[in-house]
């Protein structure tokens, strides 16, 4: 008489354990690429352009990823009352070809100093 109840409980506990195990297993979603910061030294500055006078503030932007491009540390300067010319971005080398896991850059592209009309995107 106790055997059917034992089997039912065993079956229930087995299903519960398998369900919890399946829910607790975590895996990286497909399509996610782990990318480390670039450790390859940045080439020397290609062209040095003087910062236009009249800036309100200059600061250094730390290196970071912008889409699939590594933008190394560079300087930006903000201006007031200049429509379409709110931010001056110093020239920098951008890494466009790299190894996802080693952090080594194999392709640098020069981005000339330029004006930007938004503080939100300063690359």
PDB file of N, CA and C in Angstrom:
ATOM      1  N   UNK A   1       0.807  -1.191   0.000  1.00  0.00           N
ATOM      2  CA  UNK A   1       0.000   0.000   0.000  1.00  0.00           C
ATOM      3  C   UNK A   1       0.861   1.270   0.000  1.00  0.00           C
ATOM      4  N   UNK A   2       1.971   1.242   0.701  1.00  0.00           N
ATOM      5  CA  UNK A   2       2.807   2.426   0.746  1.00  0.00           C
ATOM      6  C   UNK A   2       3.655   2.573  -0.520  1.00  0.00           C
ATOM      7  N   UNK A   3       3.805   1.484  -1.333  1.00  0.00           N
ATOM      8  CA  UNK A   3       4.639   1.508  -2.526  1.00  0.00           C
ATOM      9  C   UNK A   3       4.125   2.481  -3.591  1.00  0.00           C
ATOM     10  N   UNK A   4       2.798   2.518  -3.915  1.00  0.00           N
ATOM     11  CA  UNK A   4       2.325   3.497  -4.906  1.00  0.00           C
ATOM     12  C   UNK A   4       2.551   4.945  -4.457  1.00  0.00           C
ATOM     13  N   UNK A   5       2.349   5.217  -3.149  1.00  0.00           N
ATOM     14  CA  UNK A   5       2.580   6.581  -2.661  1.00  0.00           C
ATOM     15  C   UNK A   5       4.063   6.938  -2.744  1.00  0.00           C
ATOM     16  N   UNK A   6       4.933   5.997  -2.429  1.00  0.00           N
ATOM     17  CA  UNK A   6       6.378   6.221  -2.497  1.00  0.00           C
ATOM     18  C   UNK A   6       6.806   6.503  -3.931  1.00  0.00           C
ATOM     19  N   UNK A   7       6.288   5.719  -4.882  1.00  0.00           N
ATOM     20  CA  UNK A   7       6.639   5.944  -6.298  1.00  0.00           C
ATOM     21  C   UNK A   7       6.153   7.307  -6.774  1.00  0.00           C
ATOM     22  N   UNK A   8       4.944   7.680  -6.357  1.00  0.00           N
ATOM     23  CA  UNK A   8       4.406   8.978  -6.762  1.00  0.00           C
ATOM     24  C   UNK A   8       5.266  10.109  -6.207  1.00  0.00           C
ATOM     25  N   UNK A   9       5.642   9.998  -4.939  1.00  0.00           N
ATOM     26  CA  UNK A   9       6.485  11.019  -4.321  1.00  0.00           C
ATOM     27  C   UNK A   9       7.874  11.056  -4.970  1.00  0.00           C
ATOM     28  N   UNK A  10       8.422   9.897  -5.250  1.00  0.00           N
ATOM     29  CA  UNK A  10       9.726   9.830  -5.899  1.00  0.00           C
ATOM     30  C   UNK A  10       9.671  10.459  -7.290  1.00  0.00           C
ATOM     31  N   UNK A  11       8.617  10.162  -8.026  1.00  0.00           N
ATOM     32  CA  UNK A  11       8.446  10.739  -9.371  1.00  0.00           C
ATOM     33  C   UNK A  11       8.314  12.259  -9.280  1.00  0.00           C
ATOM     34  N   UNK A  12       7.513  12.735  -8.329  1.00  0.00           N
ATOM     35  CA  UNK A  12       7.317  14.171  -8.148  1.00  0.00           C
ATOM     36  C   UNK A  12       8.631  14.864  -7.789  1.00  0.00           C
ATOM     37  N   UNK A  13       9.360  14.290  -6.848  1.00  0.00           N
ATOM     38  CA  UNK A  13      10.627  14.877  -6.431  1.00  0.00           C
ATOM     39  C   UNK A  13      11.660  14.870  -7.556  1.00  0.00           C
ATOM     40  N   UNK A  14      11.655  13.820  -8.363  1.00  0.00           N
ATOM     41  CA  UNK A  14      12.578  13.750  -9.502  1.00  0.00           C
ATOM     42  C   UNK A  14      12.268  14.845 -10.516  1.00  0.00           C
ATOM     43  N   UNK A  15      10.993  15.006 -10.830  1.00  0.00           N
ATOM     44  CA  UNK A  15      10.577  16.048 -11.789  1.00  0.00           C
ATOM     45  C   UNK A  15      10.908  17.427 -11.234  1.00  0.00           C
ATOM     46  N   UNK A  16      10.662  17.642  -9.945  1.00  0.00           N
ATOM     47  CA  UNK A  16      10.965  18.921  -9.329  1.00  0.00           C
ATOM     48  C   UNK A  16      12.468  19.214  -9.373  1.00  0.00           C
ATOM     49  N   UNK A  17      13.269  18.218  -9.052  1.00  0.00           N
ATOM     50  CA  UNK A  17      14.720  18.405  -9.067  1.00  0.00           C
ATOM     51  C   UNK A  17      15.234  18.712 -10.469  1.00  0.00           C
ATOM     52  N   UNK A  18      14.724  17.993 -11.470  1.00  0.00           N
ATOM     53  CA  UNK A  18      15.145  18.250 -12.853  1.00  0.00           C
ATOM     54  C   UNK A  18      14.722  19.631 -13.314  1.00  0.00           C
ATOM     55  N   UNK A  19      13.518  20.055 -12.925  1.00  0.00           N
ATOM     56  CA  UNK A  19      13.035  21.387 -13.311  1.00  0.00           C
ATOM     57  C   UNK A  19      13.897  22.479 -12.695  1.00  0.00           C
ATOM     58  N   UNK A  20      14.212  22.334 -11.411  1.00  0.00           N
ATOM     59  CA  UNK A  20      15.050  23.332 -10.753  1.00  0.00           C
ATOM     60  C   UNK A  20      16.443  23.372 -11.346  1.00  0.00           C
ATOM     61  N   UNK A  21      16.987  22.211 -11.667  1.00  0.00           N
ATOM     62  CA  UNK A  21      18.317  22.158 -12.275  1.00  0.00           C
ATOM     63  C   UNK A  21      18.313  22.853 -13.629  1.00  0.00           C
ATOM     64  N   UNK A  22      17.285  22.614 -14.412  1.00  0.00           N
ATOM     65  CA  UNK A  22      17.198  23.242 -15.735  1.00  0.00           C
ATOM     66  C   UNK A  22      17.047  24.749 -15.607  1.00  0.00           C
ATOM     67  N   UNK A  23      16.292  25.201 -14.611  1.00  0.00           N
ATOM     68  CA  UNK A  23      16.099  26.644 -14.433  1.00  0.00           C
ATOM     69  C   UNK A  23      17.349  27.324 -13.897  1.00  0.00           C
ATOM     70  N   UNK A  24      18.124  26.614 -13.094  1.00  0.00           N
ATOM     71  CA  UNK A  24      19.294  27.215 -12.469  1.00  0.00           C
ATOM     72  C   UNK A  24      20.509  27.225 -13.374  1.00  0.00           C
ATOM     73  N   UNK A  25      20.522  26.423 -14.412  1.00  0.00           N
ATOM     74  CA  UNK A  25      21.663  26.420 -15.313  1.00  0.00           C
ATOM     75  C   UNK A  25      21.664  27.707 -16.112  1.00  0.00           C
ATOM     76  N   UNK A  26      22.781  28.382 -16.082  1.00  0.00           N
ATOM     77  CA  UNK A  26      22.885  29.620 -16.853  1.00  0.00           C
ATOM     78  C   UNK A  26      23.949  29.443 -17.912  1.00  0.00           C
ATOM     79  N   UNK A  27      23.693  30.028 -19.027  1.00  0.00           N
ATOM     80  CA  UNK A  27      24.670  29.998 -20.105  1.00  0.00           C
ATOM     81  C   UNK A  27      24.650  31.351 -20.795  1.00  0.00           C
ATOM     82  N   UNK A  28      25.717  31.678 -21.465  1.00  0.00           N
ATOM     83  CA  UNK A  28      25.826  32.921 -22.190  1.00  0.00           C
ATOM     84  C   UNK A  28      24.907  32.856 -23.401  1.00  0.00           C
ATOM     85  N   UNK A  29      24.071  33.873 -23.598  1.00  0.00           N
ATOM     86  CA  UNK A  29      23.198  33.869 -24.776  1.00  0.00           C
ATOM     87  C   UNK A  29      24.030  33.823 -26.057  1.00  0.00           C
ATOM     88  N   UNK A  30      23.519  33.150 -27.046  1.00  0.00           N
ATOM     89  CA  UNK A  30      24.251  33.082 -28.311  1.00  0.00           C
ATOM     90  C   UNK A  30      24.322  34.473 -28.927  1.00  0.00           C
ATOM     91  N   UNK A  31      25.408  34.757 -29.608  1.00  0.00           N
ATOM     92  CA  UNK A  31      25.582  36.050 -30.241  1.00  0.00           C
ATOM     93  C   UNK A  31      26.334  37.050 -29.380  1.00  0.00           C
ATOM     94  N   UNK A  32      26.524  36.743 -28.093  1.00  0.00           N
ATOM     95  CA  UNK A  32      27.250  37.653 -27.219  1.00  0.00           C
ATOM     96  C   UNK A  32      28.740  37.397 -27.371  1.00  0.00           C
ATOM     97  N   UNK A  33      29.489  38.446 -27.605  1.00  0.00           N
ATOM     98  CA  UNK A  33      30.933  38.334 -27.775  1.00  0.00           C
ATOM     99  C   UNK A  33      31.609  39.038 -26.608  1.00  0.00           C
ATOM    100  N   UNK A  34      32.476  38.333 -25.933  1.00  0.00           N
ATOM    101  CA  UNK A  34      33.224  38.940 -24.840  1.00  0.00           C
ATOM    102  C   UNK A  34      34.444  39.634 -25.438  1.00  0.00           C
ATOM    103  N   UNK A  35      34.563  40.912 -25.195  1.00  0.00           N
ATOM    104  CA  UNK A  35      35.656  41.692 -25.760  1.00  0.00           C
ATOM    105  C   UNK A  35      36.386  42.388 -24.614  1.00  0.00           C
ATOM    106  N   UNK A  36      37.680  42.232 -24.584  1.00  0.00           N
ATOM    107  CA  UNK A  36      38.474  42.865 -23.536  1.00  0.00           C
ATOM    108  C   UNK A  36      39.008  44.199 -24.041  1.00  0.00           C
ATOM    109  N   UNK A  37      39.453  45.066 -23.131  1.00  0.00           N
ATOM    110  CA  UNK A  37      40.056  46.327 -23.571  1.00  0.00           C
ATOM    111  C   UNK A  37      41.311  46.062 -24.408  1.00  0.00           C
ATOM    112  N   UNK A  38      41.630  46.969 -25.277  1.00  0.00           N
ATOM    113  CA  UNK A  38      42.812  46.838 -26.128  1.00  0.00           C
ATOM    114  C   UNK A  38      44.053  47.152 -25.301  1.00  0.00           C
ATOM    115  N   UNK A  39      45.046  46.251 -25.366  1.00  0.00           N
ATOM    116  CA  UNK A  39      46.287  46.445 -24.612  1.00  0.00           C
ATOM    117  C   UNK A  39      47.458  46.820 -25.511  1.00  0.00           C
ATOM    118  N   UNK A  40      47.259  46.791 -26.810  1.00  0.00           N
ATOM    119  CA  UNK A  40      48.304  47.172 -27.757  1.00  0.00           C
ATOM    120  C   UNK A  40      48.571  48.673 -27.622  1.00  0.00           C
ATOM    121  N   UNK A  41      49.828  49.090 -27.562  1.00  0.00           N
ATOM    122  CA  UNK A  41      50.115  50.527 -27.473  1.00  0.00           C
ATOM    123  C   UNK A  41      49.563  51.281 -28.687  1.00  0.00           C
ATOM    124  N   UNK A  42      49.036  52.452 -28.422  1.00  0.00           N
ATOM    125  CA  UNK A  42      48.475  53.303 -29.482  1.00  0.00           C
ATOM    126  C   UNK A  42      49.629  53.938 -30.249  1.00  0.00           C
ATOM    127  N   UNK A  43      49.543  54.006 -31.598  1.00  0.00           N
ATOM    128  CA  UNK A  43      50.604  54.680 -32.368  1.00  0.00           C
ATOM    129  C   UNK A  43      50.718  56.155 -31.966  1.00  0.00           C
ATOM    130  N   UNK A  44      51.848  56.751 -32.298  1.00  0.00           N
ATOM    131  CA  UNK A  44      52.027  58.168 -31.976  1.00  0.00           C
ATOM    132  C   UNK A  44      51.057  59.023 -32.782  1.00  0.00           C
ATOM    133  N   UNK A  45      50.744  60.178 -32.243  1.00  0.00           N
ATOM    134  CA  UNK A  45      49.802  61.086 -32.899  1.00  0.00           C
ATOM    135  C   UNK A  45      50.253  61.397 -34.314  1.00  0.00           C
ATOM    136  N   UNK A  46      49.318  61.299 -35.249  1.00  0.00           N
ATOM    137  CA  UNK A  46      49.651  61.523 -36.653  1.00  0.00           C
ATOM    138  C   UNK A  46      49.737  63.014 -36.967  1.00  0.00           C
ATOM    139  N   UNK A  47      48.739  63.772 -36.540  1.00  0.00           N
ATOM    140  CA  UNK A  47      48.701  65.216 -36.793  1.00  0.00           C
ATOM    141  C   UNK A  47      48.252  65.891 -35.499  1.00  0.00           C
ATOM    142  N   UNK A  48      49.007  66.860 -35.048  1.00  0.00           N
ATOM    143  CA  UNK A  48      48.650  67.592 -33.836  1.00  0.00           C
ATOM    144  C   UNK A  48      48.057  68.929 -34.243  1.00  0.00           C
ATOM    145  N   UNK A  49      46.778  69.126 -33.917  1.00  0.00           N
ATOM    146  CA  UNK A  49      46.074  70.363 -34.262  1.00  0.00           C
ATOM    147  C   UNK A  49      45.818  71.124 -32.970  1.00  0.00           C
ATOM    148  N   UNK A  50      46.099  72.406 -32.975  1.00  0.00           N
ATOM    149  CA  UNK A  50      45.868  73.230 -31.787  1.00  0.00           C
ATOM    150  C   UNK A  50      44.383  73.318 -31.488  1.00  0.00           C
ATOM    151  N   UNK A  51      44.052  73.303 -30.206  1.00  0.00           N
ATOM    152  CA  UNK A  51      42.652  73.430 -29.787  1.00  0.00           C
ATOM    153  C   UNK A  51      42.184  74.845 -30.108  1.00  0.00           C
ATOM    154  N   UNK A  52      41.046  74.997 -30.795  1.00  0.00           N
ATOM    155  CA  UNK A  52      40.544  76.337 -31.101  1.00  0.00           C
ATOM    156  C   UNK A  52      40.298  77.123 -29.809  1.00  0.00           C
ATOM    157  N   UNK A  53      40.605  78.423 -29.820  1.00  0.00           N
ATOM    158  CA  UNK A  53      40.422  79.240 -28.613  1.00  0.00           C
ATOM    159  C   UNK A  53      38.939  79.412 -28.273  1.00  0.00           C
ATOM    160  N   UNK A  54      38.690  79.740 -27.012  1.00  0.00           N
ATOM    161  CA  UNK A  54      37.326  80.040 -26.587  1.00  0.00           C
ATOM    162  C   UNK A  54      36.613  78.880 -25.910  1.00  0.00           C
ATOM    163  N   UNK A  55      37.312  77.828 -25.621  1.00  0.00           N
ATOM    164  CA  UNK A  55      36.639  76.677 -24.990  1.00  0.00           C
ATOM    165  C   UNK A  55      36.262  77.001 -23.542  1.00  0.00           C
ATOM    166  N   UNK A  56      35.231  76.332 -23.074  1.00  0.00           N
ATOM    167  CA  UNK A  56      34.776  76.489 -21.702  1.00  0.00           C
ATOM    168  C   UNK A  56      35.537  75.529 -20.795  1.00  0.00           C
ATOM    169  N   UNK A  57      35.723  74.301 -21.283  1.00  0.00           N
ATOM    170  CA  UNK A  57      36.382  73.278 -20.473  1.00  0.00           C
ATOM    171  C   UNK A  57      36.956  72.186 -21.366  1.00  0.00           C
ATOM    172  N   UNK A  58      38.128  71.687 -21.022  1.00  0.00           N
ATOM    173  CA  UNK A  58      38.711  70.533 -21.712  1.00  0.00           C
ATOM    174  C   UNK A  58      38.857  69.408 -20.701  1.00  0.00           C
ATOM    175  N   UNK A  59      38.704  68.176 -21.179  1.00  0.00           N
ATOM    176  CA  UNK A  59      38.875  67.012 -20.306  1.00  0.00           C
ATOM    177  C   UNK A  59      39.335  65.823 -21.131  1.00  0.00           C
ATOM    178  N   UNK A  60      39.837  64.832 -20.446  1.00  0.00           N
ATOM    179  CA  UNK A  60      40.299  63.614 -21.095  1.00  0.00           C
ATOM    180  C   UNK A  60      39.205  62.556 -20.985  1.00  0.00           C
ATOM    181  N   UNK A  61      38.872  61.957 -22.107  1.00  0.00           N
ATOM    182  CA  UNK A  61      37.893  60.875 -22.145  1.00  0.00           C
ATOM    183  C   UNK A  61      38.668  59.559 -22.100  1.00  0.00           C
ATOM    184  N   UNK A  62      38.341  58.700 -21.160  1.00  0.00           N
ATOM    185  CA  UNK A  62      39.032  57.424 -21.031  1.00  0.00           C
ATOM    186  C   UNK A  62      38.707  56.512 -22.212  1.00  0.00           C
ATOM    187  N   UNK A  63      39.585  55.568 -22.491  1.00  0.00           N
ATOM    188  CA  UNK A  63      39.365  54.625 -23.583  1.00  0.00           C
ATOM    189  C   UNK A  63      38.145  53.757 -23.345  1.00  0.00           C
ATOM    190  N   UNK A  64      37.400  53.482 -24.407  1.00  0.00           N
ATOM    191  CA  UNK A  64      36.203  52.646 -24.298  1.00  0.00           C
ATOM    192  C   UNK A  64      35.781  52.153 -25.681  1.00  0.00           C
ATOM    193  N   UNK A  65      34.829  51.242 -25.690  1.00  0.00           N
ATOM    194  CA  UNK A  65      34.296  50.702 -26.943  1.00  0.00           C
ATOM    195  C   UNK A  65      33.160  51.580 -27.432  1.00  0.00           C
ATOM    196  N   UNK A  66      33.111  51.804 -28.721  1.00  0.00           N
ATOM    197  CA  UNK A  66      32.003  52.483 -29.382  1.00  0.00           C
ATOM    198  C   UNK A  66      31.616  51.600 -30.560  1.00  0.00           C
ATOM    199  N   UNK A  67      30.523  50.881 -30.383  1.00  0.00           N
ATOM    200  CA  UNK A  67      30.140  49.803 -31.293  1.00  0.00           C
ATOM    201  C   UNK A  67      31.295  48.801 -31.356  1.00  0.00           C
ATOM    202  N   UNK A  68      31.864  48.500 -32.487  1.00  0.00           N
ATOM    203  CA  UNK A  68      32.961  47.524 -32.561  1.00  0.00           C
ATOM    204  C   UNK A  68      34.307  48.201 -32.810  1.00  0.00           C
ATOM    205  N   UNK A  69      34.456  49.399 -32.260  1.00  0.00           N
ATOM    206  CA  UNK A  69      35.699  50.154 -32.412  1.00  0.00           C
ATOM    207  C   UNK A  69      36.202  50.575 -31.039  1.00  0.00           C
ATOM    208  N   UNK A  70      37.501  50.323 -30.785  1.00  0.00           N
ATOM    209  CA  UNK A  70      38.107  50.770 -29.537  1.00  0.00           C
ATOM    210  C   UNK A  70      38.611  52.188 -29.727  1.00  0.00           C
ATOM    211  N   UNK A  71      38.098  53.091 -28.909  1.00  0.00           N
ATOM    212  CA  UNK A  71      38.516  54.486 -28.951  1.00  0.00           C
ATOM    213  C   UNK A  71      39.426  54.712 -27.742  1.00  0.00           C
ATOM    214  N   UNK A  72      40.717  54.926 -27.954  1.00  0.00           N
ATOM    215  CA  UNK A  72      41.617  55.115 -26.815  1.00  0.00           C
ATOM    216  C   UNK A  72      41.404  56.473 -26.141  1.00  0.00           C
ATOM    217  N   UNK A  73      42.098  56.671 -25.059  1.00  0.00           N
ATOM    218  CA  UNK A  73      42.027  57.916 -24.322  1.00  0.00           C
ATOM    219  C   UNK A  73      42.338  59.089 -25.246  1.00  0.00           C
ATOM    220  N   UNK A  74      41.513  60.148 -25.167  1.00  0.00           N
ATOM    221  CA  UNK A  74      41.736  61.343 -25.979  1.00  0.00           C
ATOM    222  C   UNK A  74      41.092  62.548 -25.290  1.00  0.00           C
ATOM    223  N   UNK A  75      41.396  63.739 -25.774  1.00  0.00           N
ATOM    224  CA  UNK A  75      40.901  64.969 -25.156  1.00  0.00           C
ATOM    225  C   UNK A  75      39.744  65.557 -25.946  1.00  0.00           C
ATOM    226  N   UNK A  76      38.763  66.109 -25.205  1.00  0.00           N
ATOM    227  CA  UNK A  76      37.673  66.856 -25.826  1.00  0.00           C
ATOM    228  C   UNK A  76      37.560  68.201 -25.120  1.00  0.00           C
ATOM    229  N   UNK A  77      37.090  69.210 -25.843  1.00  0.00           N
ATOM    230  CA  UNK A  77      36.873  70.533 -25.266  1.00  0.00           C
ATOM    231  C   UNK A  77      35.461  70.985 -25.616  1.00  0.00           C
ATOM    232  N   UNK A  78      34.766  71.539 -24.629  1.00  0.00           N
ATOM    233  CA  UNK A  78      33.391  72.010 -24.860  1.00  0.00           C
ATOM    234  C   UNK A  78      33.393  73.529 -25.037  1.00  0.00           C
ATOM    235  N   UNK A  79      32.444  73.979 -25.830  1.00  0.00           N
ATOM    236  CA  UNK A  79      32.302  75.393 -26.151  1.00  0.00           C
ATOM    237  C   UNK A  79      30.869  75.820 -25.893  1.00  0.00           C
ATOM    238  N   UNK A  80      30.673  77.104 -25.668  1.00  0.00           N
ATOM    239  CA  UNK A  80      29.327  77.646 -25.473  1.00  0.00           C
ATOM    240  C   UNK A  80      28.985  78.572 -26.638  1.00  0.00           C
ATOM    241  N   UNK A  81      27.721  78.638 -26.966  1.00  0.00           N
ATOM    242  CA  UNK A  81      27.206  79.550 -27.988  1.00  0.00           C
ATOM    243  C   UNK A  81      27.855  79.359 -29.354  1.00  0.00           C
ATOM    244  N   UNK A  82      28.076  78.114 -29.751  1.00  0.00           N
ATOM    245  CA  UNK A  82      28.604  77.810 -31.088  1.00  0.00           C
ATOM    246  C   UNK A  82      27.705  76.756 -31.720  1.00  0.00           C
ATOM    247  N   UNK A  83      26.669  77.152 -32.405  1.00  0.00           N
ATOM    248  CA  UNK A  83      25.763  76.172 -33.016  1.00  0.00           C
ATOM    249  C   UNK A  83      26.514  75.239 -33.976  1.00  0.00           C
ATOM    250  N   UNK A  84      26.319  73.953 -33.799  1.00  0.00           N
ATOM    251  CA  UNK A  84      26.978  72.961 -34.642  1.00  0.00           C
ATOM    252  C   UNK A  84      28.424  72.704 -34.265  1.00  0.00           C
ATOM    253  N   UNK A  85      28.936  73.467 -33.327  1.00  0.00           N
ATOM    254  CA  UNK A  85      30.328  73.313 -32.900  1.00  0.00           C
ATOM    255  C   UNK A  85      30.399  73.366 -31.368  1.00  0.00           C
ATOM    256  N   UNK A  86      29.755  72.407 -30.755  1.00  0.00           N
ATOM    257  CA  UNK A  86      29.677  72.371 -29.306  1.00  0.00           C
ATOM    258  C   UNK A  86      30.878  71.696 -28.667  1.00  0.00           C
ATOM    259  N   UNK A  87      31.442  70.702 -29.361  1.00  0.00           N
ATOM    260  CA  UNK A  87      32.555  69.931 -28.807  1.00  0.00           C
ATOM    261  C   UNK A  87      33.680  69.808 -29.839  1.00  0.00           C
ATOM    262  N   UNK A  88      34.908  70.052 -29.401  1.00  0.00           N
ATOM    263  CA  UNK A  88      36.086  69.829 -30.225  1.00  0.00           C
ATOM    264  C   UNK A  88      36.707  68.512 -29.768  1.00  0.00           C
ATOM    265  N   UNK A  89      36.909  67.590 -30.683  1.00  0.00           N
ATOM    266  CA  UNK A  89      37.499  66.298 -30.376  1.00  0.00           C
ATOM    267  C   UNK A  89      38.887  66.251 -30.989  1.00  0.00           C
ATOM    268  N   UNK A  90      39.900  66.073 -30.137  1.00  0.00           N
ATOM    269  CA  UNK A  90      41.270  65.941 -30.642  1.00  0.00           C
ATOM    270  C   UNK A  90      41.387  64.683 -31.495  1.00  0.00           C
ATOM    271  N   UNK A  91      42.337  64.684 -32.420  1.00  0.00           N
ATOM    272  CA  UNK A  91      42.567  63.509 -33.254  1.00  0.00           C
ATOM    273  C   UNK A  91      43.062  62.325 -32.431  1.00  0.00           C
ATOM    274  N   UNK A  92      42.739  61.123 -32.872  1.00  0.00           N
ATOM    275  CA  UNK A  92      43.151  59.918 -32.152  1.00  0.00           C
ATOM    276  C   UNK A  92      43.183  58.733 -33.118  1.00  0.00           C
ATOM    277  N   UNK A  93      43.869  57.685 -32.721  1.00  0.00           N
ATOM    278  CA  UNK A  93      43.897  56.427 -33.468  1.00  0.00           C
ATOM    279  C   UNK A  93      42.795  55.529 -32.922  1.00  0.00           C
ATOM    280  N   UNK A  94      41.944  54.998 -33.773  1.00  0.00           N
ATOM    281  CA  UNK A  94      40.879  54.073 -33.367  1.00  0.00           C
ATOM    282  C   UNK A  94      41.256  52.666 -33.810  1.00  0.00           C
ATOM    283  N   UNK A  95      41.041  51.711 -32.952  1.00  0.00           N
ATOM    284  CA  UNK A  95      41.333  50.313 -33.285  1.00  0.00           C
ATOM    285  C   UNK A  95      40.085  49.687 -33.903  1.00  0.00           C
ATOM    286  N   UNK A  96      40.186  49.296 -35.167  1.00  0.00           N
ATOM    287  CA  UNK A  96      39.044  48.726 -35.879  1.00  0.00           C
ATOM    288  C   UNK A  96      39.196  47.236 -36.164  1.00  0.00           C
ATOM    289  N   UNK A  97      40.381  46.688 -35.962  1.00  0.00           N
ATOM    290  CA  UNK A  97      40.622  45.247 -36.155  1.00  0.00           C
ATOM    291  C   UNK A  97      41.368  44.738 -34.935  1.00  0.00           C
ATOM    292  N   UNK A  98      40.812  43.697 -34.305  1.00  0.00           N
ATOM    293  CA  UNK A  98      41.374  43.244 -33.041  1.00  0.00           C
ATOM    294  C   UNK A  98      40.994  41.795 -32.779  1.00  0.00           C
ATOM    295  N   UNK A  99      41.685  41.216 -31.818  1.00  0.00           N
ATOM    296  CA  UNK A  99      41.365  39.876 -31.343  1.00  0.00           C
ATOM    297  C   UNK A  99      40.458  40.032 -30.134  1.00  0.00           C
ATOM    298  N   UNK A 100      39.310  39.361 -30.146  1.00  0.00           N
ATOM    299  CA  UNK A 100      38.329  39.512 -29.073  1.00  0.00           C
ATOM    300  C   UNK A 100      38.871  39.173 -27.693  1.00  0.00           C
ATOM    301  N   UNK A 101      39.716  38.181 -27.593  1.00  0.00           N
ATOM    302  CA  UNK A 101      40.118  37.696 -26.278  1.00  0.00           C
ATOM    303  C   UNK A 101      41.513  38.126 -25.837  1.00  0.00           C
ATOM    304  N   UNK A 102      42.400  38.410 -26.772  1.00  0.00           N
ATOM    305  CA  UNK A 102      43.763  38.761 -26.376  1.00  0.00           C
ATOM    306  C   UNK A 102      43.928  40.254 -26.094  1.00  0.00           C
ATOM    307  N   UNK A 103      43.032  41.085 -26.618  1.00  0.00           N
ATOM    308  CA  UNK A 103      43.146  42.520 -26.416  1.00  0.00           C
ATOM    309  C   UNK A 103      44.185  43.171 -27.307  1.00  0.00           C
ATOM    310  N   UNK A 104      44.576  42.483 -28.369  1.00  0.00           N
ATOM    311  CA  UNK A 104      45.598  43.015 -29.281  1.00  0.00           C
ATOM    312  C   UNK A 104      44.939  43.618 -30.520  1.00  0.00           C
ATOM    313  N   UNK A 105      45.371  44.823 -30.855  1.00  0.00           N
ATOM    314  CA  UNK A 105      44.842  45.512 -32.033  1.00  0.00           C
ATOM    315  C   UNK A 105      45.740  45.221 -33.228  1.00  0.00           C
ATOM    316  N   UNK A 106      45.127  44.927 -34.359  1.00  0.00           N
ATOM    317  CA  UNK A 106      45.894  44.662 -35.574  1.00  0.00           C
ATOM    318  C   UNK A 106      45.591  45.667 -36.686  1.00  0.00           C
ATOM    319  N   UNK A 107      44.705  46.617 -36.411  1.00  0.00           N
ATOM    320  CA  UNK A 107      44.375  47.617 -37.419  1.00  0.00           C
ATOM    321  C   UNK A 107      43.957  48.937 -36.800  1.00  0.00           C
ATOM    322  N   UNK A 108      44.831  49.929 -36.922  1.00  0.00           N
ATOM    323  CA  UNK A 108      44.536  51.259 -36.392  1.00  0.00           C
ATOM    324  C   UNK A 108      44.095  52.182 -37.512  1.00  0.00           C
ATOM    325  N   UNK A 109      43.139  53.054 -37.232  1.00  0.00           N
ATOM    326  CA  UNK A 109      42.631  54.008 -38.217  1.00  0.00           C
ATOM    327  C   UNK A 109      42.670  55.408 -37.586  1.00  0.00           C
ATOM    328  N   UNK A 110      43.306  56.367 -38.288  1.00  0.00           N
ATOM    329  CA  UNK A 110      43.425  57.718 -37.759  1.00  0.00           C
ATOM    330  C   UNK A 110      42.117  58.480 -37.910  1.00  0.00           C
ATOM    331  N   UNK A 111      41.658  59.083 -36.841  1.00  0.00           N
ATOM    332  CA  UNK A 111      40.468  59.949 -36.854  1.00  0.00           C
ATOM    333  C   UNK A 111      40.941  61.365 -36.582  1.00  0.00           C
ATOM    334  N   UNK A 112      40.837  62.216 -37.571  1.00  0.00           N
ATOM    335  CA  UNK A 112      41.317  63.598 -37.464  1.00  0.00           C
ATOM    336  C   UNK A 112      40.518  64.379 -36.427  1.00  0.00           C
ATOM    337  N   UNK A 113      41.139  65.429 -35.892  1.00  0.00           N
ATOM    338  CA  UNK A 113      40.441  66.325 -34.972  1.00  0.00           C
ATOM    339  C   UNK A 113      39.223  66.890 -35.697  1.00  0.00           C
ATOM    340  N   UNK A 114      38.132  67.034 -34.962  1.00  0.00           N
ATOM    341  CA  UNK A 114      36.889  67.480 -35.608  1.00  0.00           C
ATOM    342  C   UNK A 114      35.927  68.106 -34.594  1.00  0.00           C
ATOM    343  N   UNK A 115      34.943  68.822 -35.143  1.00  0.00           N
ATOM    344  CA  UNK A 115      33.876  69.399 -34.358  1.00  0.00           C
ATOM    345  C   UNK A 115      32.748  68.378 -34.252  1.00  0.00           C
ATOM    346  N   UNK A 116      32.030  68.440 -33.139  1.00  0.00           N
ATOM    347  CA  UNK A 116      30.850  67.617 -32.968  1.00  0.00           C
ATOM    348  C   UNK A 116      29.751  68.498 -32.380  1.00  0.00           C
ATOM    349  N   UNK A 117      28.523  68.267 -32.798  1.00  0.00           N
ATOM    350  CA  UNK A 117      27.431  69.120 -32.329  1.00  0.00           C
ATOM    351  C   UNK A 117      26.704  68.540 -31.114  1.00  0.00           C
ATOM    352  N   UNK A 118      27.227  67.467 -30.533  1.00  0.00           N
ATOM    353  CA  UNK A 118      26.580  66.846 -29.388  1.00  0.00           C
ATOM    354  C   UNK A 118      27.606  66.401 -28.364  1.00  0.00           C
ATOM    355  N   UNK A 119      27.290  66.613 -27.099  1.00  0.00           N
ATOM    356  CA  UNK A 119      28.173  66.153 -26.033  1.00  0.00           C
ATOM    357  C   UNK A 119      27.969  64.654 -25.812  1.00  0.00           C
ATOM    358  N   UNK A 120      26.832  64.140 -26.189  1.00  0.00           N
ATOM    359  CA  UNK A 120      26.512  62.727 -25.945  1.00  0.00           C
ATOM    360  C   UNK A 120      27.457  61.802 -26.695  1.00  0.00           C
ATOM    361  N   UNK A 121      27.765  62.090 -27.924  1.00  0.00           N
ATOM    362  CA  UNK A 121      28.678  61.260 -28.709  1.00  0.00           C
ATOM    363  C   UNK A 121      29.898  62.092 -29.020  1.00  0.00           C
ATOM    364  N   UNK A 122      30.986  61.754 -28.366  1.00  0.00           N
ATOM    365  CA  UNK A 122      32.183  62.579 -28.521  1.00  0.00           C
ATOM    366  C   UNK A 122      33.293  61.850 -29.226  1.00  0.00           C
ATOM    367  N   UNK A 123      32.965  60.910 -30.097  1.00  0.00           N
ATOM    368  CA  UNK A 123      33.991  60.118 -30.778  1.00  0.00           C
ATOM    369  C   UNK A 123      34.197  60.603 -32.169  1.00  0.00           C
TER     370      UNK A 123
END
